[in-house]
Amino acid sequence: MFNREVYQNRRRILLEKMADKAQEGKRGIAIFTGNVEAPQNYRGNDYKFRQESSFLYYWGIDEPGFAAILDLDNGEEAIYGNDVDIDDIIWMGPQPSVQSKAEKAGVHRSAPAADFDNEVRKAVSQGRPVHFLPTSRYYNTMKVSSLLGIPAEDVRKVAPVSCGKASEELVRAIISMRLIKEPCEISEIDKACEIGYLMHTAARQGCKPGTPEQEIVGRMEGVTISRGWGVSFTTILSQHGETLHNHSHNMTITPGNLLLVDAGAESNTHYASDFTRTYPCSGRFTQRQRDIYDIVENCNELAFKLCRPGTTYRDIHIAVAKNMLEGLKSLDIVRGDVDSMAAEGIAGLFMPHGLGHNMGIDVHDMEDLGENLVGYDDDQKRSSQLGLGSLRMARRLHPGHVITDEPGIYFIPALIAKWKEDGTDKGFVNYQKLEAYNDFGGIRLEDDILITEDGARHLGPHRLPIKADDVENAMAGE
């Protein structure tokens, strides 16, 4: 938890942003529902608790069962939760009061949890607007649905989308704040990236023929728990890197394969890291592997060099796509004019995802608030092309943005076959050469980047080896 002044200042700025949205006296209230514990299979055997991120951002309390209200007309704020009773004390021991927890967040008023429900219902009965965020957890979805008398499905969607009821005004105000990271947040992301560096180092050290993938994952995730909260998302570690989100770890490291490792850590304050590296299971790349690897590494470096305030990440994605096609053209996998190939979306056959996403308290920061609202400026439209259409962060870059830089090349046999059958490639793809890569797998290389006043920097005190020679030398030394 940061100093109380951090949370007080955030709520003050939010209040100011929301004050511009409606006439005074008609602004209403903004409600924040923290997460509760959720049972895995029976009550008392719960999933590991993770607080709702916007609640954490504005109110700081990292415990289940809390909610908060910010009155947009008079500025009053309150935190709601229950003090422990004797039954709780038997199992948990004495606990600080709700009031003392509220004071750490700079909130002077606290009340029992039931009062939150009463205050929301009172606002509804008075005809006051009730601003809320789209929910992701089932409990909060049903709670807000019940309090406001609206269908549960509408609680999950922002107002402009499919009759959603969540507040677009509140969503936009929060996005504008959380997109630009404060110095205290950047410090926490650096910590998460250091943990990520150590977990990926454990992965590289474990990448030896005969080692079960599951054993490597266990070592990696042990690092995150020993130094932070845990993983920031479900670990991807696979010798089938052509499957973008492969969570199966049932193979044994086999010489000649490539091991793709996409994994991240959370600091104890829940700020995230997200790195990807791809390793030769033999300790050295074959020439064919190195040819593709060097193209991806060059794309990663190009993206980093292009990151600067005022540039859109969409334009950087397109520049990287062209660079990738140039590399693939040099291997005779594609043929023709690179600009024409890029315009036709040919890069999507090889990189069907976007170049990167926002990162912060959430590893895909705020995407629960609406991917387009978070990742696109108002003057941008999402592409329908494979690859570019999956770009989660397209915005014009500003100092304080934290984004991932994660180009990749994947040889997906089913996708290659479909493009060939449908003629999607429009004659640009040399299938005779490409189909020889059907057993290749995939390569992705990902770093976390902070946009600065004059460019960008890699987050974390250390950068994982990324050039092919450096990767091989590191593996040889281990």
Protein backbone atom coordinates (compact mmCIF):
# COMPACT_ATOMS: atom_id res chain seq x y z
CA MET A 1 0.00 0.00 0.00
CA PHE A 2 1.30 3.43 -0.91
CA ASN A 3 1.13 6.48 1.38
CA ARG A 4 -2.40 7.72 2.02
CA GLU A 5 -1.64 10.91 0.08
CA VAL A 6 -1.36 8.86 -3.13
CA TYR A 7 -4.92 7.57 -2.80
CA GLN A 8 -6.29 10.92 -1.66
CA ASN A 9 -4.75 12.62 -4.67
CA ARG A 10 -6.09 10.00 -7.07
CA ARG A 11 -9.63 10.38 -5.74
CA ARG A 12 -9.35 14.17 -5.89
CA ILE A 13 -8.31 14.03 -9.55
CA LEU A 14 -11.10 11.55 -10.32
CA LEU A 15 -13.61 13.86 -8.66
CA GLU A 16 -12.38 16.76 -10.79
CA LYS A 17 -12.60 14.72 -13.99
CA MET A 18 -16.12 13.56 -13.20
CA ALA A 19 -17.20 17.10 -12.27
CA ASP A 20 -17.01 18.03 -15.94
CA LYS A 21 -19.49 15.33 -16.96
CA ALA A 22 -22.78 16.66 -15.55
CA GLN A 23 -24.42 19.62 -13.90
CA GLU A 24 -23.62 20.07 -10.20
CA GLY A 25 -26.27 18.41 -8.07
CA LYS A 26 -26.88 15.80 -10.76
CA ARG A 27 -23.52 14.06 -10.86
CA GLY A 28 -24.56 11.26 -8.54
CA ILE A 29 -22.23 8.73 -6.93
CA ALA A 30 -19.42 6.47 -8.11
CA ILE A 31 -19.39 3.03 -6.53
CA PHE A 32 -16.45 0.66 -6.26
CA THR A 33 -16.95 -3.00 -5.39
CA GLY A 34 -13.88 -4.81 -4.13
CA ASN A 35 -13.56 -8.53 -4.68
CA VAL A 36 -14.60 -11.21 -2.20
CA GLU A 37 -13.13 -14.64 -1.60
CA ALA A 38 -14.29 -17.30 -4.05
CA PRO A 39 -14.38 -21.02 -3.22
CA GLN A 40 -12.48 -23.47 -5.43
CA ASN A 41 -14.75 -26.37 -4.51
CA TYR A 42 -16.21 -25.64 -1.07
CA ARG A 43 -16.41 -22.63 1.23
CA GLY A 44 -13.20 -22.19 3.16
CA ASN A 45 -11.03 -23.68 0.41
CA ASP A 46 -10.79 -20.51 -1.62
CA TYR A 47 -8.85 -19.39 -4.64
CA LYS A 48 -5.95 -17.12 -3.79
CA PHE A 49 -7.44 -13.68 -3.19
CA ARG A 50 -6.75 -10.92 -5.71
CA GLN A 51 -8.27 -7.47 -5.23
CA GLU A 52 -10.18 -5.71 -8.00
CA SER A 53 -7.62 -3.45 -9.62
CA SER A 54 -9.48 -0.13 -9.77
CA PHE A 55 -10.58 -0.57 -6.16
CA LEU A 56 -6.93 -1.15 -5.28
CA TYR A 57 -5.87 1.90 -7.31
CA TYR A 58 -8.22 4.37 -5.59
CA TRP A 59 -8.76 2.88 -2.14
CA GLY A 60 -5.65 0.78 -1.45
CA ILE A 61 -7.20 -1.92 0.76
CA ASP A 62 -5.99 -5.32 -0.40
CA GLU A 63 -8.49 -7.48 1.49
CA PRO A 64 -11.80 -9.15 0.62
CA GLY A 65 -15.25 -7.84 1.43
CA PHE A 66 -14.80 -4.08 0.97
CA ALA A 67 -16.66 -1.52 -1.11
CA ALA A 68 -16.50 2.26 -1.42
CA ILE A 69 -18.58 5.22 -2.55
CA LEU A 70 -17.38 8.57 -3.86
CA ASP A 71 -20.12 11.22 -3.88
CA LEU A 72 -19.55 13.24 -7.04
CA ASP A 73 -21.66 16.18 -5.86
CA ASN A 74 -20.23 16.92 -2.42
CA GLY A 75 -16.94 15.00 -2.50
CA GLU A 76 -17.79 12.80 0.47
CA GLU A 77 -16.17 9.37 0.47
CA ALA A 78 -16.68 6.26 2.54
CA ILE A 79 -15.33 2.74 2.80
CA TYR A 80 -17.63 -0.13 3.75
CA GLY A 81 -16.65 -3.42 5.37
CA ASN A 82 -17.25 -5.49 8.48
CA ASP A 83 -15.09 -5.69 11.57
CA VAL A 84 -14.23 -9.22 12.63
CA ASP A 85 -16.32 -11.03 15.25
CA ILE A 86 -15.29 -13.75 17.66
CA ASP A 87 -15.79 -16.50 15.07
CA ASP A 88 -13.35 -14.71 12.77
CA ILE A 89 -10.87 -14.15 15.58
CA ILE A 90 -10.80 -17.86 16.37
CA TRP A 91 -9.57 -18.62 12.87
CA MET A 92 -7.72 -15.42 11.96
CA GLY A 93 -6.70 -13.82 15.23
CA PRO A 94 -7.40 -10.17 16.13
CA GLN A 95 -7.59 -7.86 13.09
CA PRO A 96 -7.32 -4.07 12.61
CA SER A 97 -10.65 -2.28 12.48
CA VAL A 98 -12.27 -1.19 9.23
CA GLN A 99 -11.86 2.40 10.36
CA SER A 100 -8.11 2.02 10.82
CA LYS A 101 -7.81 0.47 7.36
CA ALA A 102 -9.84 3.32 5.87
CA GLU A 103 -7.60 5.89 7.54
CA LYS A 104 -4.53 4.34 5.88
CA ALA A 105 -6.19 5.15 2.57
CA GLY A 106 -6.95 8.69 3.75
CA VAL A 107 -10.69 8.04 4.16
CA HIS A 108 -12.30 9.40 7.33
CA ARG A 109 -15.66 7.68 7.14
CA SER A 110 -16.24 3.94 7.33
CA ALA A 111 -19.39 1.89 7.85
CA PRO A 112 -20.60 -1.75 7.89
CA ALA A 113 -20.92 -3.55 4.56
CA ALA A 114 -24.72 -3.52 4.70
CA ASP A 115 -24.67 0.28 4.67
CA PHE A 116 -23.13 0.21 1.20
CA ASP A 117 -26.21 -1.57 -0.14
CA ASN A 118 -28.48 0.89 1.65
CA GLU A 119 -26.64 3.94 0.28
CA VAL A 120 -26.76 2.64 -3.29
CA ARG A 121 -30.46 1.84 -3.05
CA LYS A 122 -31.09 5.27 -1.55
CA ALA A 123 -29.33 6.95 -4.49
CA VAL A 124 -31.42 4.91 -6.93
CA SER A 125 -34.65 5.83 -5.14
CA GLN A 126 -33.69 9.52 -5.31
CA GLY A 127 -33.02 9.30 -9.03
CA ARG A 128 -29.32 10.05 -8.64
CA PRO A 129 -26.95 8.65 -11.27
CA VAL A 130 -24.97 5.66 -10.01
CA HIS A 131 -21.68 5.33 -11.87
CA PHE A 132 -20.04 1.90 -11.80
CA LEU A 133 -17.36 0.01 -13.68
CA PRO A 134 -17.99 -3.13 -15.73
CA THR A 135 -17.45 -6.12 -13.48
CA SER A 136 -15.43 -9.26 -14.16
CA ARG A 137 -16.13 -11.35 -11.05
CA TYR A 138 -19.46 -13.17 -10.75
CA TYR A 139 -20.19 -12.02 -7.18
CA ASN A 140 -19.79 -8.34 -8.02
CA THR A 141 -21.80 -8.73 -11.20
CA MET A 142 -24.76 -10.16 -9.30
CA LYS A 143 -24.42 -7.64 -6.48
CA VAL A 144 -24.52 -4.60 -8.76
CA SER A 145 -27.30 -6.18 -10.81
CA SER A 146 -29.38 -6.65 -7.67
CA LEU A 147 -28.72 -3.19 -6.23
CA LEU A 148 -29.49 -1.34 -9.45
CA GLY A 149 -32.20 -3.63 -10.81
CA ILE A 150 -30.54 -4.20 -14.18
CA PRO A 151 -29.69 -7.46 -16.00
CA ALA A 152 -26.41 -9.05 -14.98
CA GLU A 153 -25.18 -9.09 -18.57
CA ASP A 154 -25.58 -5.31 -18.81
CA VAL A 155 -23.42 -4.84 -15.71
CA ARG A 156 -20.43 -6.31 -17.55
CA LYS A 157 -20.56 -3.89 -20.50
CA VAL A 158 -19.79 -0.21 -20.88
CA ALA A 159 -22.78 1.95 -21.81
CA PRO A 160 -22.17 2.44 -25.56
CA VAL A 161 -21.81 -1.29 -26.21
CA SER A 162 -24.82 -3.59 -26.67
CA CYS A 163 -27.05 -1.79 -24.16
CA GLY A 164 -24.45 -2.01 -21.41
CA LYS A 165 -25.04 0.06 -18.31
CA ALA A 166 -21.57 0.61 -16.85
CA SER A 167 -20.61 4.28 -16.81
CA GLU A 168 -18.67 5.42 -19.87
CA GLU A 169 -17.83 8.66 -18.07
CA LEU A 170 -16.29 6.84 -15.11
CA VAL A 171 -14.50 4.36 -17.35
CA ARG A 172 -12.94 7.09 -19.48
CA ALA A 173 -11.88 9.10 -16.43
CA ILE A 174 -10.19 6.08 -14.85
CA ILE A 175 -8.48 5.05 -18.09
CA SER A 176 -7.04 8.54 -18.49
CA MET A 177 -5.51 8.27 -15.02
CA ARG A 178 -4.32 4.67 -14.94
CA LEU A 179 -2.72 4.81 -18.40
CA ILE A 180 -0.07 7.25 -17.22
CA LYS A 181 1.97 5.68 -14.44
CA GLU A 182 3.09 7.62 -11.39
CA PRO A 183 6.70 7.36 -10.14
CA CYS A 184 5.59 5.10 -7.26
CA GLU A 185 3.94 2.77 -9.78
CA ILE A 186 6.98 2.67 -12.05
CA SER A 187 9.10 1.68 -9.06
CA GLU A 188 6.75 -1.24 -8.37
CA ILE A 189 6.76 -2.33 -12.02
CA ASP A 190 10.56 -2.28 -11.94
CA LYS A 191 10.37 -4.62 -8.92
CA ALA A 192 7.99 -6.94 -10.75
CA CYS A 193 10.33 -6.94 -13.75
CA GLU A 194 13.26 -7.91 -11.55
CA ILE A 195 11.25 -10.87 -10.26
CA GLY A 196 10.34 -11.65 -13.87
CA TYR A 197 14.03 -11.56 -14.79
CA LEU A 198 14.80 -14.09 -12.07
CA MET A 199 11.91 -16.40 -13.03
CA HIS A 200 12.97 -16.38 -16.68
CA THR A 201 16.56 -17.01 -15.67
CA ALA A 202 15.30 -20.10 -13.83
CA ALA A 203 13.51 -21.17 -17.01
CA ARG A 204 16.60 -20.78 -19.15
CA GLN A 205 18.72 -22.67 -16.63
CA GLY A 206 16.16 -25.48 -16.60
CA CYS A 207 16.00 -25.80 -20.38
CA LYS A 208 18.10 -28.95 -20.67
CA PRO A 209 17.31 -32.12 -22.63
CA GLY A 210 15.37 -34.63 -20.56
CA THR A 211 13.89 -32.07 -18.14
CA PRO A 212 10.07 -32.13 -17.82
CA GLU A 213 8.41 -28.85 -18.79
CA GLN A 214 6.34 -29.00 -15.61
CA GLU A 215 9.48 -29.02 -13.49
CA ILE A 216 10.70 -25.82 -15.16
CA VAL A 217 7.33 -24.15 -14.60
CA GLY A 218 7.47 -25.14 -10.92
CA ARG A 219 10.90 -23.55 -10.50
CA MET A 220 9.77 -20.38 -12.23
CA GLU A 221 6.58 -19.93 -10.25
CA GLY A 222 8.43 -20.70 -7.03
CA VAL A 223 10.58 -17.65 -7.71
CA THR A 224 7.52 -15.41 -8.00
CA ILE A 225 6.00 -16.62 -4.74
CA SER A 226 9.27 -16.35 -2.82
CA ARG A 227 9.78 -12.73 -3.92
CA GLY A 228 6.32 -11.35 -4.69
CA TRP A 229 2.62 -12.13 -4.91
CA GLY A 230 2.95 -14.78 -7.61
CA VAL A 231 2.49 -14.98 -11.37
CA SER A 232 0.77 -12.12 -13.20
CA PHE A 233 -0.94 -14.57 -15.59
CA THR A 234 -0.98 -18.28 -16.31
CA THR A 235 2.50 -19.31 -17.44
CA ILE A 236 3.00 -20.17 -21.11
CA LEU A 237 5.92 -22.60 -21.51
CA SER A 238 5.85 -24.86 -24.52
CA GLN A 239 7.81 -26.53 -27.30
CA HIS A 240 4.75 -25.88 -29.48
CA GLY A 241 5.21 -22.12 -29.65
CA GLU A 242 3.01 -21.91 -32.73
CA THR A 243 0.07 -22.21 -30.30
CA LEU A 244 0.04 -18.66 -28.94
CA HIS A 245 -1.40 -19.38 -25.48
CA ASN A 246 -0.23 -22.92 -24.85
CA HIS A 247 -0.69 -23.75 -21.16
CA SER A 248 0.15 -27.44 -21.48
CA HIS A 249 3.41 -28.43 -19.77
CA ASN A 250 3.37 -32.19 -20.36
CA MET A 251 6.40 -32.60 -22.63
CA THR A 252 10.08 -33.24 -21.91
CA ILE A 253 12.76 -30.90 -23.26
CA THR A 254 13.86 -32.47 -26.53
CA PRO A 255 16.99 -31.55 -28.55
CA GLY A 256 16.20 -29.74 -31.78
CA ASN A 257 13.05 -28.09 -30.43
CA LEU A 258 12.48 -24.48 -29.43
CA LEU A 259 11.09 -23.65 -25.98
CA LEU A 260 8.89 -20.56 -25.87
CA VAL A 261 8.49 -19.08 -22.38
CA ASP A 262 5.95 -16.27 -21.87
CA ALA A 263 5.58 -15.52 -18.17
CA GLY A 264 5.32 -12.67 -15.70
CA ALA A 265 5.36 -11.84 -12.02
CA GLU A 266 3.38 -9.58 -9.70
CA SER A 267 5.01 -7.54 -7.00
CA ASN A 268 3.42 -7.66 -3.56
CA THR A 269 1.54 -4.48 -4.52
CA HIS A 270 0.19 -6.31 -7.61
CA TYR A 271 2.08 -4.48 -10.33
CA ALA A 272 2.98 -6.79 -13.20
CA SER A 273 5.78 -7.86 -15.49
CA ASP A 274 5.46 -9.82 -18.74
CA PHE A 275 8.48 -11.20 -20.61
CA THR A 276 8.91 -13.74 -23.39
CA ARG A 277 12.04 -15.51 -24.53
CA THR A 278 12.53 -18.46 -26.86
CA TYR A 279 15.34 -20.94 -26.22
CA PRO A 280 17.01 -23.67 -28.31
CA CYS A 281 16.49 -26.91 -26.41
CA SER A 282 19.89 -28.12 -27.64
CA GLY A 283 21.64 -25.04 -26.25
CA ARG A 284 22.41 -23.79 -29.75
CA PHE A 285 20.15 -22.63 -32.57
CA THR A 286 20.17 -24.48 -35.85
CA GLN A 287 20.79 -22.22 -38.84
CA ARG A 288 17.11 -22.37 -39.77
CA GLN A 289 16.08 -21.43 -36.22
CA ARG A 290 18.60 -18.61 -36.07
CA ASP A 291 17.39 -17.17 -39.37
CA ILE A 292 13.87 -16.75 -37.99
CA TYR A 293 15.06 -15.81 -34.51
CA ASP A 294 17.21 -12.96 -35.83
CA ILE A 295 14.24 -11.52 -37.73
CA VAL A 296 12.12 -11.48 -34.56
CA GLU A 297 14.95 -10.03 -32.46
CA ASN A 298 15.49 -7.30 -35.05
CA CYS A 299 11.76 -6.49 -34.94
CA ASN A 300 11.87 -6.28 -31.14
CA GLU A 301 14.77 -3.83 -31.31
CA LEU A 302 13.14 -1.77 -34.06
CA ALA A 303 9.96 -1.36 -32.02
CA PHE A 304 11.95 -0.18 -29.01
CA LYS A 305 13.89 2.37 -31.09
CA LEU A 306 10.67 3.76 -32.57
CA CYS A 307 8.99 4.23 -29.19
CA ARG A 308 8.83 7.91 -28.37
CA PRO A 309 6.15 10.43 -27.33
CA GLY A 310 3.84 11.43 -30.17
CA THR A 311 4.24 8.23 -32.18
CA THR A 312 1.28 5.87 -32.32
CA TYR A 313 1.88 2.27 -31.36
CA ARG A 314 -0.26 1.34 -34.36
CA ASP A 315 2.32 2.90 -36.66
CA ILE A 316 5.08 1.05 -34.82
CA HIS A 317 3.20 -2.24 -35.28
CA ILE A 318 2.97 -1.56 -39.02
CA ALA A 319 6.68 -0.66 -39.23
CA VAL A 320 7.54 -3.91 -37.43
CA ALA A 321 5.27 -5.88 -39.79
CA LYS A 322 7.09 -4.45 -42.80
CA ASN A 323 10.46 -5.23 -41.25
CA MET A 324 9.32 -8.79 -40.58
CA LEU A 325 8.15 -9.23 -44.17
CA GLU A 326 11.52 -7.95 -45.42
CA GLY A 327 13.22 -10.66 -43.37
CA LEU A 328 10.89 -13.37 -44.57
CA LYS A 329 11.35 -12.16 -48.15
CA SER A 330 15.11 -12.59 -47.77
CA LEU A 331 14.40 -16.27 -46.99
CA ASP A 332 12.07 -16.51 -50.04
CA ILE A 333 9.10 -17.37 -47.81
CA VAL A 334 7.21 -14.37 -49.20
CA ARG A 335 7.68 -12.62 -52.53
CA GLY A 336 6.73 -9.21 -53.83
CA ASP A 337 6.58 -5.58 -52.77
CA VAL A 338 6.78 -5.28 -48.98
CA ASP A 339 4.53 -2.21 -48.75
CA SER A 340 1.87 -4.00 -50.78
CA MET A 341 2.18 -7.11 -48.60
CA ALA A 342 1.83 -5.01 -45.45
CA ALA A 343 -1.23 -3.23 -46.82
CA GLU A 344 -2.85 -6.59 -47.60
CA GLY A 345 -2.18 -7.87 -44.07
CA ILE A 346 0.18 -10.68 -45.10
CA ALA A 347 2.16 -10.26 -41.87
CA GLY A 348 -0.87 -11.62 -40.02
CA LEU A 349 -0.15 -15.10 -41.34
CA PHE A 350 3.08 -15.08 -39.36
CA MET A 351 2.15 -12.79 -36.45
CA PRO A 352 -1.61 -13.06 -35.87
CA HIS A 353 -1.42 -10.95 -32.67
CA GLY A 354 -0.68 -7.30 -31.97
CA LEU A 355 2.74 -5.90 -31.13
CA GLY A 356 1.87 -5.23 -27.50
CA HIS A 357 -0.53 -4.10 -24.80
CA ASN A 358 -0.71 -1.74 -21.82
CA MET A 359 0.63 -3.06 -18.53
CA GLY A 360 0.32 -1.94 -14.92
CA ILE A 361 -1.70 -3.29 -12.01
CA ASP A 362 -3.18 -5.69 -14.56
CA VAL A 363 -0.80 -7.45 -16.91
CA HIS A 364 -3.24 -6.47 -19.69
CA ASP A 365 -3.96 -3.20 -18.00
CA MET A 366 -7.64 -2.23 -17.71
CA GLU A 367 -8.86 -4.45 -20.52
CA ASP A 368 -11.82 -5.29 -18.27
CA LEU A 369 -12.91 -1.69 -18.89
CA GLY A 370 -13.15 -2.22 -22.65
CA GLU A 371 -10.24 -3.06 -24.94
CA ASN A 372 -11.00 -0.35 -27.52
CA LEU A 373 -11.56 2.36 -24.91
CA VAL A 374 -8.26 1.48 -23.25
CA GLY A 375 -6.11 0.82 -26.29
CA TYR A 376 -7.37 3.24 -28.95
CA ASP A 377 -7.57 7.03 -29.21
CA ASP A 378 -10.91 8.48 -30.27
CA ASP A 379 -9.58 9.20 -33.78
CA GLN A 380 -8.45 5.59 -34.32
CA LYS A 381 -10.44 2.66 -35.65
CA ARG A 382 -9.61 -0.98 -35.15
CA SER A 383 -8.47 -2.87 -38.24
CA SER A 384 -10.23 -5.99 -39.47
CA GLN A 385 -6.94 -7.57 -40.61
CA LEU A 386 -5.54 -10.62 -38.87
CA GLY A 387 -2.70 -9.43 -36.64
CA LEU A 388 -3.23 -5.68 -36.82
CA GLY A 389 -6.84 -6.23 -35.77
CA SER A 390 -5.60 -7.93 -32.59
CA LEU A 391 -3.48 -4.94 -31.57
CA ARG A 392 -4.57 -4.11 -28.02
CA MET A 393 -2.56 -0.89 -27.75
CA ALA A 394 -2.66 1.47 -30.73
CA ARG A 395 -2.65 4.83 -28.96
CA ARG A 396 -0.39 7.82 -29.43
CA LEU A 397 2.41 7.36 -26.91
CA HIS A 398 2.92 9.68 -23.95
CA PRO A 399 5.50 9.77 -21.16
CA GLY A 400 4.37 7.38 -18.44
CA HIS A 401 2.84 4.78 -20.73
CA VAL A 402 3.96 1.23 -19.91
CA ILE A 403 3.64 -1.18 -22.82
CA THR A 404 4.93 -4.53 -24.01
CA ASP A 405 7.08 -5.01 -27.11
CA GLU A 406 6.43 -8.57 -28.28
CA PRO A 407 6.86 -9.40 -31.96
CA GLY A 408 6.73 -13.04 -32.99
CA ILE A 409 6.82 -15.36 -35.97
CA TYR A 410 4.74 -18.53 -35.86
CA PHE A 411 4.27 -21.30 -38.40
CA ILE A 412 0.74 -22.55 -37.77
CA PRO A 413 0.02 -25.47 -40.13
CA ALA A 414 -3.77 -25.15 -39.99
CA LEU A 415 -3.63 -21.40 -40.70
CA ILE A 416 -1.13 -21.88 -43.52
CA ALA A 417 -3.37 -24.53 -45.09
CA LYS A 418 -6.44 -22.32 -44.81
CA TRP A 419 -4.74 -19.30 -46.40
CA LYS A 420 -3.50 -21.51 -49.23
CA GLU A 421 -6.96 -22.99 -49.81
CA ASP A 422 -8.74 -19.63 -49.64
CA GLY A 423 -6.10 -17.65 -51.57
CA THR A 424 -5.88 -15.15 -48.71
CA ASP A 425 -2.20 -14.50 -49.45
CA LYS A 426 -3.05 -13.01 -52.91
CA GLY A 427 0.02 -14.62 -54.42
CA PHE A 428 2.58 -13.17 -52.01
CA VAL A 429 3.37 -16.41 -50.16
CA ASN A 430 5.77 -19.05 -51.47
CA TYR A 431 4.03 -22.12 -50.08
CA GLN A 432 6.64 -24.50 -51.45
CA LYS A 433 9.17 -22.87 -49.12
CA LEU A 434 6.75 -22.07 -46.29
CA GLU A 435 5.33 -25.58 -45.87
CA ALA A 436 8.81 -26.84 -45.02
CA TYR A 437 8.40 -24.87 -41.76
CA ASN A 438 5.26 -26.72 -40.65
CA ASP A 439 7.29 -28.48 -37.94
CA PHE A 440 9.13 -25.33 -36.83
CA GLY A 441 6.92 -24.02 -34.00
CA GLY A 442 7.09 -20.35 -33.08
CA ILE A 443 9.30 -17.59 -31.69
CA ARG A 444 8.23 -14.61 -29.58
CA LEU A 445 10.48 -12.09 -27.83
CA GLU A 446 8.92 -9.68 -25.35
CA ASP A 447 10.16 -6.82 -23.18
CA ASP A 448 8.37 -4.29 -20.99
CA ILE A 449 8.89 -0.64 -21.91
CA LEU A 450 8.33 2.73 -20.22
CA ILE A 451 7.79 5.73 -22.48
CA THR A 452 9.96 8.61 -21.26
CA GLU A 453 10.14 12.31 -22.14
CA ASP A 454 12.61 11.69 -24.96
CA GLY A 455 12.15 8.04 -25.90
CA ALA A 456 11.80 4.84 -23.92
CA ARG A 457 13.61 2.55 -21.50
CA HIS A 458 13.37 -1.12 -20.67
CA LEU A 459 11.77 -1.74 -17.30
CA GLY A 460 13.59 -3.63 -14.58
CA PRO A 461 17.22 -3.27 -13.48
CA HIS A 462 18.37 -6.09 -15.78
CA ARG A 463 17.45 -7.21 -19.27
CA LEU A 464 17.26 -10.87 -20.17
CA PRO A 465 19.70 -11.98 -22.90
CA ILE A 466 17.98 -11.60 -26.25
CA LYS A 467 20.51 -11.69 -29.09
CA ALA A 468 21.07 -15.22 -30.37
CA ASP A 469 24.78 -15.28 -29.45
CA ASP A 470 24.04 -13.97 -25.94
CA VAL A 471 21.35 -16.58 -25.40
CA GLU A 472 23.65 -19.38 -26.51
CA ASN A 473 26.51 -18.08 -24.34
CA ALA A 474 24.24 -17.84 -21.30
CA MET A 475 22.99 -21.39 -21.82
CA ALA A 476 26.52 -22.69 -22.32
CA GLY A 477 27.58 -21.13 -19.03
CA GLU A 478 24.69 -22.77 -17.17
